[in-house]
Protein backbone atom coordinates (compact mmCIF):
# COMPACT_ATOMS: atom_id res chain seq x y z
CA MET A 1 -11.45 -1.22 15.73
CA THR A 2 -10.05 2.04 14.30
CA LEU A 3 -9.12 2.31 10.65
CA ARG A 4 -5.44 2.68 11.53
CA THR A 5 -5.50 -0.44 13.73
CA GLU A 6 -7.36 -2.32 11.00
CA LEU A 7 -4.70 -1.27 8.47
CA GLU A 8 -1.90 -2.48 10.67
CA THR A 9 -3.51 -5.81 11.59
CA ASN A 10 -5.30 -6.93 8.42
CA HIS A 11 -4.31 -4.78 5.49
CA ALA A 12 -0.55 -4.40 5.75
CA PHE A 13 2.57 -6.46 5.22
CA GLY A 14 5.47 -4.40 6.48
CA GLU A 15 4.97 -1.02 4.82
CA ILE A 16 2.86 -2.48 1.99
CA ILE A 17 -0.84 -1.73 2.35
CA GLY A 18 -3.82 -3.27 0.60
CA LYS A 19 -7.02 -5.20 1.32
CA SER A 20 -7.81 -6.26 -2.25
CA GLU A 21 -7.67 -9.89 -3.31
CA LYS A 22 -4.67 -9.08 -5.52
CA MET A 23 -2.75 -7.66 -2.57
CA GLN A 24 -3.65 -10.55 -0.28
CA TYR A 25 -2.17 -12.86 -2.91
CA LEU A 26 0.92 -10.63 -3.07
CA PHE A 27 1.34 -10.93 0.71
CA THR A 28 1.18 -14.71 0.37
CA GLN A 29 3.85 -14.64 -2.34
CA ILE A 30 6.11 -12.50 -0.16
CA GLN A 31 5.76 -14.94 2.73
CA THR A 32 6.52 -17.89 0.45
CA ALA A 33 9.59 -16.22 -1.05
CA ALA A 34 10.84 -15.11 2.36
CA ALA A 35 10.86 -18.65 3.71
CA ALA A 36 13.36 -19.83 1.09
CA ASP A 37 16.65 -18.47 -0.22
CA ILE A 38 15.49 -18.46 -3.84
CA THR A 39 16.33 -15.67 -6.30
CA VAL A 40 13.26 -13.47 -6.86
CA LEU A 41 12.34 -11.26 -9.81
CA ILE A 42 9.85 -8.54 -8.84
CA GLN A 43 7.94 -7.04 -11.76
CA GLY A 44 5.72 -3.97 -11.67
CA GLU A 45 5.13 -0.54 -13.12
CA THR A 46 6.99 2.50 -11.83
CA GLY A 47 5.71 3.54 -8.42
CA THR A 48 4.13 0.22 -7.41
CA GLY A 49 6.56 -0.36 -4.54
CA LYS A 50 9.04 -2.93 -5.84
CA GLU A 51 11.70 -2.00 -3.29
CA LEU A 52 9.14 -2.29 -0.48
CA VAL A 53 8.37 -5.84 -1.62
CA ALA A 54 12.08 -6.67 -1.71
CA LYS A 55 12.59 -5.22 1.77
CA SER A 56 9.60 -7.18 3.09
CA ILE A 57 11.04 -10.42 1.70
CA HIS A 58 14.35 -9.67 3.42
CA ASP A 59 12.72 -8.60 6.70
CA ASN A 60 10.77 -11.86 6.90
CA SER A 61 13.63 -14.12 5.87
CA PRO A 62 16.33 -15.90 7.92
CA ARG A 63 18.70 -13.14 6.74
CA LYS A 64 16.65 -10.34 8.33
CA ALA A 65 19.37 -9.46 10.86
CA ARG A 66 21.93 -9.17 8.06
CA PRO A 67 22.53 -6.27 5.63
CA PHE A 68 19.95 -5.23 3.05
CA VAL A 69 21.68 -3.32 0.24
CA ALA A 70 19.70 -1.74 -2.60
CA ILE A 71 21.09 -0.37 -5.85
CA ASN A 72 19.23 1.15 -8.81
CA CYS A 73 20.91 -0.07 -11.98
CA ALA A 74 19.23 2.65 -14.06
CA ALA A 75 20.55 5.47 -11.87
CA ILE A 76 24.25 4.69 -12.25
CA PRO A 77 26.25 5.47 -15.42
CA ALA A 78 27.18 2.32 -17.36
CA GLU A 79 30.90 2.97 -16.92
CA LEU A 80 30.57 3.10 -13.12
CA ILE A 81 28.13 0.31 -12.34
CA GLU A 82 30.70 -2.51 -12.36
CA SER A 83 32.80 -0.69 -9.77
CA GLU A 84 29.66 0.08 -7.77
CA LEU A 85 28.70 -3.60 -7.65
CA PHE A 86 32.05 -5.35 -7.33
CA GLY A 87 34.40 -2.64 -6.06
CA HIS A 88 37.91 -1.86 -7.29
CA GLU A 89 41.48 -1.81 -6.12
CA ARG A 90 43.53 1.35 -5.84
CA GLY A 91 45.00 2.26 -9.23
CA ALA A 92 42.61 0.01 -11.17
CA PHE A 93 41.78 2.99 -13.38
CA THR A 94 42.62 6.70 -13.61
CA SER A 95 40.30 7.95 -10.84
CA ALA A 96 40.72 4.93 -8.54
CA TYR A 97 42.70 6.72 -5.83
CA GLN A 98 41.78 4.21 -3.15
CA GLN A 99 40.28 0.78 -2.73
CA ARG A 100 36.48 0.59 -2.96
CA ILE A 101 34.31 -2.11 -1.42
CA GLY A 102 31.41 -2.91 -3.78
CA GLN A 103 27.77 -3.58 -3.00
CA PHE A 104 28.18 -7.34 -3.25
CA GLU A 105 30.72 -7.31 -0.42
CA GLN A 106 28.65 -4.86 1.61
CA ALA A 107 25.64 -7.17 1.35
CA ASN A 108 27.59 -10.33 2.22
CA THR A 109 25.54 -12.74 4.40
CA GLY A 110 22.50 -10.58 3.68
CA THR A 111 20.42 -9.50 0.69
CA LEU A 112 21.37 -7.48 -2.39
CA PHE A 113 18.48 -5.84 -4.24
CA LEU A 114 19.15 -4.89 -7.85
CA ASP A 115 16.40 -2.51 -8.94
CA GLU A 116 15.72 -1.93 -12.65
CA ILE A 117 17.85 -4.92 -13.59
CA GLY A 118 16.59 -4.56 -17.16
CA ASP A 119 18.83 -1.51 -17.56
CA MET A 120 22.02 -3.37 -16.72
CA PRO A 121 24.60 -3.12 -19.57
CA PRO A 122 24.97 -6.38 -21.58
CA ALA A 123 28.65 -6.84 -20.72
CA LEU A 124 27.88 -6.65 -17.02
CA GLN A 125 25.00 -9.12 -17.38
CA ALA A 126 27.53 -11.81 -18.26
CA LYS A 127 29.62 -11.08 -15.16
CA LEU A 128 26.53 -11.02 -12.94
CA LEU A 129 25.53 -14.45 -14.26
CA ARG A 130 28.94 -15.84 -13.36
CA VAL A 131 28.76 -14.37 -9.86
CA LEU A 132 25.30 -15.82 -9.29
CA GLU A 133 26.50 -19.24 -10.41
CA ASP A 134 29.90 -19.29 -8.69
CA ARG A 135 29.20 -17.04 -5.67
CA GLU A 136 32.60 -15.44 -6.07
CA PHE A 137 34.23 -12.55 -7.94
CA GLN A 138 37.23 -10.24 -8.08
CA ARG A 139 37.31 -6.49 -7.60
CA ILE A 140 38.24 -4.49 -10.69
CA GLY A 141 42.03 -4.46 -10.89
CA GLY A 142 42.31 -7.16 -8.25
CA THR A 143 43.59 -10.73 -8.28
CA LYS A 144 42.06 -12.00 -5.04
CA THR A 145 38.91 -14.10 -5.41
CA ILE A 146 36.22 -13.04 -2.95
CA SER A 147 33.59 -15.58 -1.94
CA ILE A 148 30.15 -14.39 -0.87
CA ASP A 149 27.09 -15.83 0.84
CA ILE A 150 24.35 -13.62 -0.50
CA ARG A 151 20.73 -13.58 -1.60
CA VAL A 152 19.90 -11.59 -4.73
CA LEU A 153 16.52 -9.99 -5.37
CA THR A 154 15.89 -8.09 -8.59
CA ALA A 155 13.16 -5.85 -9.96
CA THR A 156 12.14 -4.26 -13.24
CA HIS A 157 9.29 -2.27 -14.76
CA ARG A 158 10.00 -3.94 -18.10
CA ASP A 159 8.74 -7.20 -19.57
CA LEU A 160 12.02 -8.99 -19.05
CA ALA A 161 10.86 -12.25 -20.64
CA ASP A 162 9.97 -10.37 -23.82
CA ALA A 163 13.29 -8.51 -23.73
CA ALA A 164 15.13 -11.82 -23.39
CA GLU A 165 13.24 -13.33 -26.33
CA LYS A 166 14.24 -10.30 -28.42
CA ASP A 167 17.90 -10.56 -27.35
CA ALA A 168 17.64 -7.26 -25.47
CA PHE A 169 18.52 -9.10 -22.23
CA ARG A 170 20.52 -12.29 -21.68
CA LEU A 171 18.13 -15.25 -21.75
CA ASP A 172 20.32 -17.37 -19.46
CA LEU A 173 20.50 -14.56 -16.91
CA TYR A 174 16.74 -14.05 -17.10
CA HIS A 175 16.11 -17.71 -16.25
CA ARG A 176 18.59 -17.44 -13.37
CA LEU A 177 16.86 -14.34 -11.97
CA ALA A 178 13.29 -15.53 -12.57
CA ALA A 179 13.38 -18.57 -10.33
CA PHE A 180 10.47 -17.02 -8.41
CA ILE A 181 8.47 -14.21 -10.02
CA ILE A 182 6.31 -11.70 -8.16
CA VAL A 183 4.12 -9.33 -10.16
CA ILE A 184 2.85 -6.25 -8.30
CA PRO A 185 -0.56 -5.10 -9.60
CA PRO A 186 -0.88 -1.45 -10.67
CA LEU A 187 -3.09 0.74 -8.51
CA ARG A 188 -5.75 1.07 -11.23
CA LYS A 189 -6.27 -2.71 -11.01
CA ARG A 190 -6.98 -2.54 -7.26
CA ARG A 191 -8.99 0.63 -6.78
CA GLU A 192 -10.53 -0.70 -3.57
CA ASP A 193 -7.14 -0.12 -1.94
CA ILE A 194 -7.10 3.60 -2.75
CA PRO A 195 -9.16 4.76 0.29
CA ILE A 196 -7.03 2.97 2.88
CA LEU A 197 -3.81 4.03 1.17
CA ALA A 198 -5.03 7.63 1.00
CA ASP A 199 -5.99 7.53 4.68
CA HIS A 200 -2.60 6.07 5.59
CA PHE A 201 -0.74 8.84 3.75
CA LEU A 202 -3.10 11.50 5.12
CA LYS A 203 -2.30 10.54 8.71
CA ARG A 204 1.43 10.33 8.01
CA TYR A 205 1.73 13.77 6.43
CA ALA A 206 -0.76 15.51 8.70
CA ILE A 207 1.40 14.48 11.64
CA ALA A 208 4.58 15.45 9.79
CA VAL A 209 3.43 19.04 9.18
CA GLY A 210 1.42 19.40 12.39
CA LYS A 211 -2.03 19.72 10.81
CA SER A 212 -5.36 18.43 12.17
CA VAL A 213 -6.62 17.01 8.87
CA ARG A 214 -8.31 13.84 10.06
CA ALA A 215 -10.41 12.57 7.15
CA ILE A 216 -11.02 12.77 3.40
CA SER A 217 -14.27 14.10 1.98
CA THR A 218 -16.53 11.80 -0.02
CA ASP A 219 -16.13 13.62 -3.32
CA THR A 220 -12.35 13.76 -2.89
CA LEU A 221 -12.25 10.01 -2.41
CA GLN A 222 -14.46 9.61 -5.46
CA VAL A 223 -12.01 11.58 -7.59
CA LEU A 224 -9.09 9.55 -6.24
CA ARG A 225 -10.82 6.26 -6.97
CA GLN A 226 -11.64 7.30 -10.53
CA HIS A 227 -8.07 8.36 -11.39
CA ASP A 228 -5.91 5.77 -13.17
CA PHE A 229 -2.69 6.75 -11.31
CA PRO A 230 -0.08 6.04 -13.99
CA GLY A 231 2.50 6.75 -11.27
CA ASN A 232 0.76 4.22 -9.00
CA VAL A 233 1.15 4.36 -5.20
CA ARG A 234 3.97 6.89 -5.44
CA GLU A 235 1.71 9.28 -7.36
CA LEU A 236 -1.10 8.85 -4.80
CA GLU A 237 1.31 9.47 -1.93
CA ASN A 238 2.66 12.63 -3.56
CA ALA A 239 -0.88 13.88 -4.23
CA ILE A 240 -1.93 13.42 -0.59
CA GLU A 241 1.28 14.99 0.74
CA SER A 242 0.70 18.07 -1.43
CA ALA A 243 -3.02 18.25 -0.59
CA VAL A 244 -2.36 18.17 3.16
CA LEU A 245 -0.14 21.24 2.83
CA TYR A 246 -2.92 23.16 1.06
CA GLU A 247 -5.82 22.02 3.24
CA THR A 248 -7.20 24.56 5.75
CA THR A 249 -9.99 22.44 7.30
CA ASP A 250 -10.01 19.20 9.27
CA GLN A 251 -11.17 17.28 6.20
CA LEU A 252 -9.24 16.91 2.93
CA GLN A 253 -11.29 18.71 0.28
CA LEU A 254 -11.36 18.44 -3.48
CA GLN A 255 -9.80 21.85 -4.12
CA SER A 256 -6.67 20.83 -2.22
CA LEU A 257 -5.81 18.04 -4.65
CA PRO A 258 -3.24 18.62 -7.41
CA SER A 259 -4.80 20.32 -10.42
CA HIS A 260 -4.32 17.38 -12.80
CA LEU A 261 -6.66 15.33 -10.64
CA THR A 262 -9.37 17.96 -10.30
CA GLN A 263 -9.21 18.98 -13.96
CA GLU A 264 -9.75 15.35 -14.87
CA ASP A 265 -12.92 15.46 -12.79
CA SER A 266 -14.01 18.94 -13.92
CA GLN A 267 -17.13 17.73 -15.72
CA ALA A 268 -18.45 16.08 -12.59
CA THR A 269 -17.43 19.03 -10.41
CA THR A 270 -19.32 21.55 -12.52
CA GLY A 271 -22.35 19.33 -12.81
CA SER A 272 -21.97 18.52 -16.50
CA PRO A 273 -25.01 16.61 -17.79
CA THR A 274 -22.85 14.49 -20.11
CA ASP A 275 -22.53 11.71 -17.51
CA THR A 276 -26.03 10.36 -16.99
CA SER A 277 -24.94 7.36 -14.94
CA VAL A 278 -24.54 9.27 -11.66
CA ILE A 279 -27.28 11.16 -9.81
CA LEU A 280 -25.94 13.39 -7.05
CA PRO A 281 -27.98 14.61 -4.05
CA LEU A 282 -28.86 18.32 -4.25
CA ASP A 283 -26.70 19.24 -1.28
CA GLU A 284 -23.70 17.54 -2.95
CA VAL A 285 -24.37 19.47 -6.17
CA GLU A 286 -24.50 22.69 -4.13
CA ARG A 287 -21.32 21.86 -2.25
CA ARG A 288 -19.45 21.12 -5.50
CA ALA A 289 -20.70 24.36 -7.02
CA ILE A 290 -19.32 26.28 -4.03
CA VAL A 291 -15.97 24.45 -4.22
CA HIS A 292 -15.76 25.22 -7.94
CA ALA A 293 -16.64 28.90 -7.41
CA LEU A 294 -13.99 29.26 -4.72
CA LYS A 295 -11.41 27.65 -6.94
CA VAL A 296 -12.23 29.85 -9.95
CA THR A 297 -12.21 33.04 -7.84
CA ASP A 298 -9.04 32.06 -5.96
CA ASN A 299 -11.02 31.85 -2.67
CA ASN A 300 -12.38 35.40 -2.97
CA ILE A 301 -15.61 35.26 -0.93
CA SER A 302 -17.20 38.33 -2.51
CA ASP A 303 -16.52 37.19 -6.07
CA ALA A 304 -17.59 33.62 -5.32
CA ALA A 305 -20.86 34.76 -3.72
CA ARG A 306 -21.57 37.08 -6.67
CA ALA A 307 -20.90 34.26 -9.17
CA LEU A 308 -23.18 31.91 -7.25
CA GLY A 309 -25.93 34.53 -7.01
CA ILE A 310 -26.06 34.54 -3.22
CA GLY A 311 -25.04 36.98 -0.48
CA ARG A 312 -21.76 36.84 1.42
CA ALA A 313 -23.54 35.91 4.66
CA THR A 314 -25.28 33.02 2.92
CA LEU A 315 -22.00 31.80 1.47
CA TYR A 316 -20.31 31.96 4.87
CA ARG A 317 -23.17 29.93 6.35
CA LYS A 318 -22.86 27.31 3.62
CA LEU A 319 -19.09 27.17 4.03
CA LYS A 320 -19.69 26.24 7.65
CA GLN A 321 -22.45 23.80 6.70
CA TYR A 322 -20.21 21.93 4.26
CA ASN A 323 -17.08 22.22 6.41
CA LEU A 324 -15.38 24.46 3.86
CA GLN A 325 -14.35 27.21 6.27
CA GLN A 326 -11.70 29.53 4.85
């Protein structure tokens, strides 16, 4: 079975990828939530894929053929978010030149996903609570009551329970939203998923830009697995996308990674003796020395060979040996 087939059959749920125990549990939670019509609060750091989880719940639910509407509460100015959610009638305020249908109406019979719900203004939290309880509302400036059949999924990178306890978020709304809680683990807590995620993104972006980069070198994977990825899966995806553009061989090499990743690993790359826990084979030490020399000399073969104390012909031979052809 190829790695790609294995990803698609065993290690993926929709577009969410992971083989770790934490991710297998997440997949189970998604399936459980999808089977019911319960309100779900998805918690996780920035870049963990909260919208992907919400979309997977919708796509596996009885509402899957109905609309899925997503809105980021943090990306909309406070004075506009009520109109964005509930719509308005013509003339409701100065710039309301025509009627607007809000996201709640657009998502009717389907699913509305409210991302970064923790950033919703307090006044609007009260109205949202009423809508969730009554399943009806009025557009701004309107008098007609609009009934809706809708499922609401929410997400936040904040500790919403703590915010509610500190009166920074409505406690009654929190309890309404948190009927079923899903917590997405950060990438640093599931490092075993990094190789298959990296491979998935490598294939995607290699195809997108028409490159024949087919694999990731061992030392590159090692650097990726050691990085904490504060930006989580989004940061890893961006790193691989960028690296594919720079790569000139059929294997993703260390020097193609973004500089903040390689600088973090600079001690290991230059063979620093400060880490005594890892013993590298001599050929790996030599390969890393060549990679480092090329990086320092901006891929100048003559300068790199001179710095390494070898001839140009020898360096060319070793470039071929280690699949580092320029």
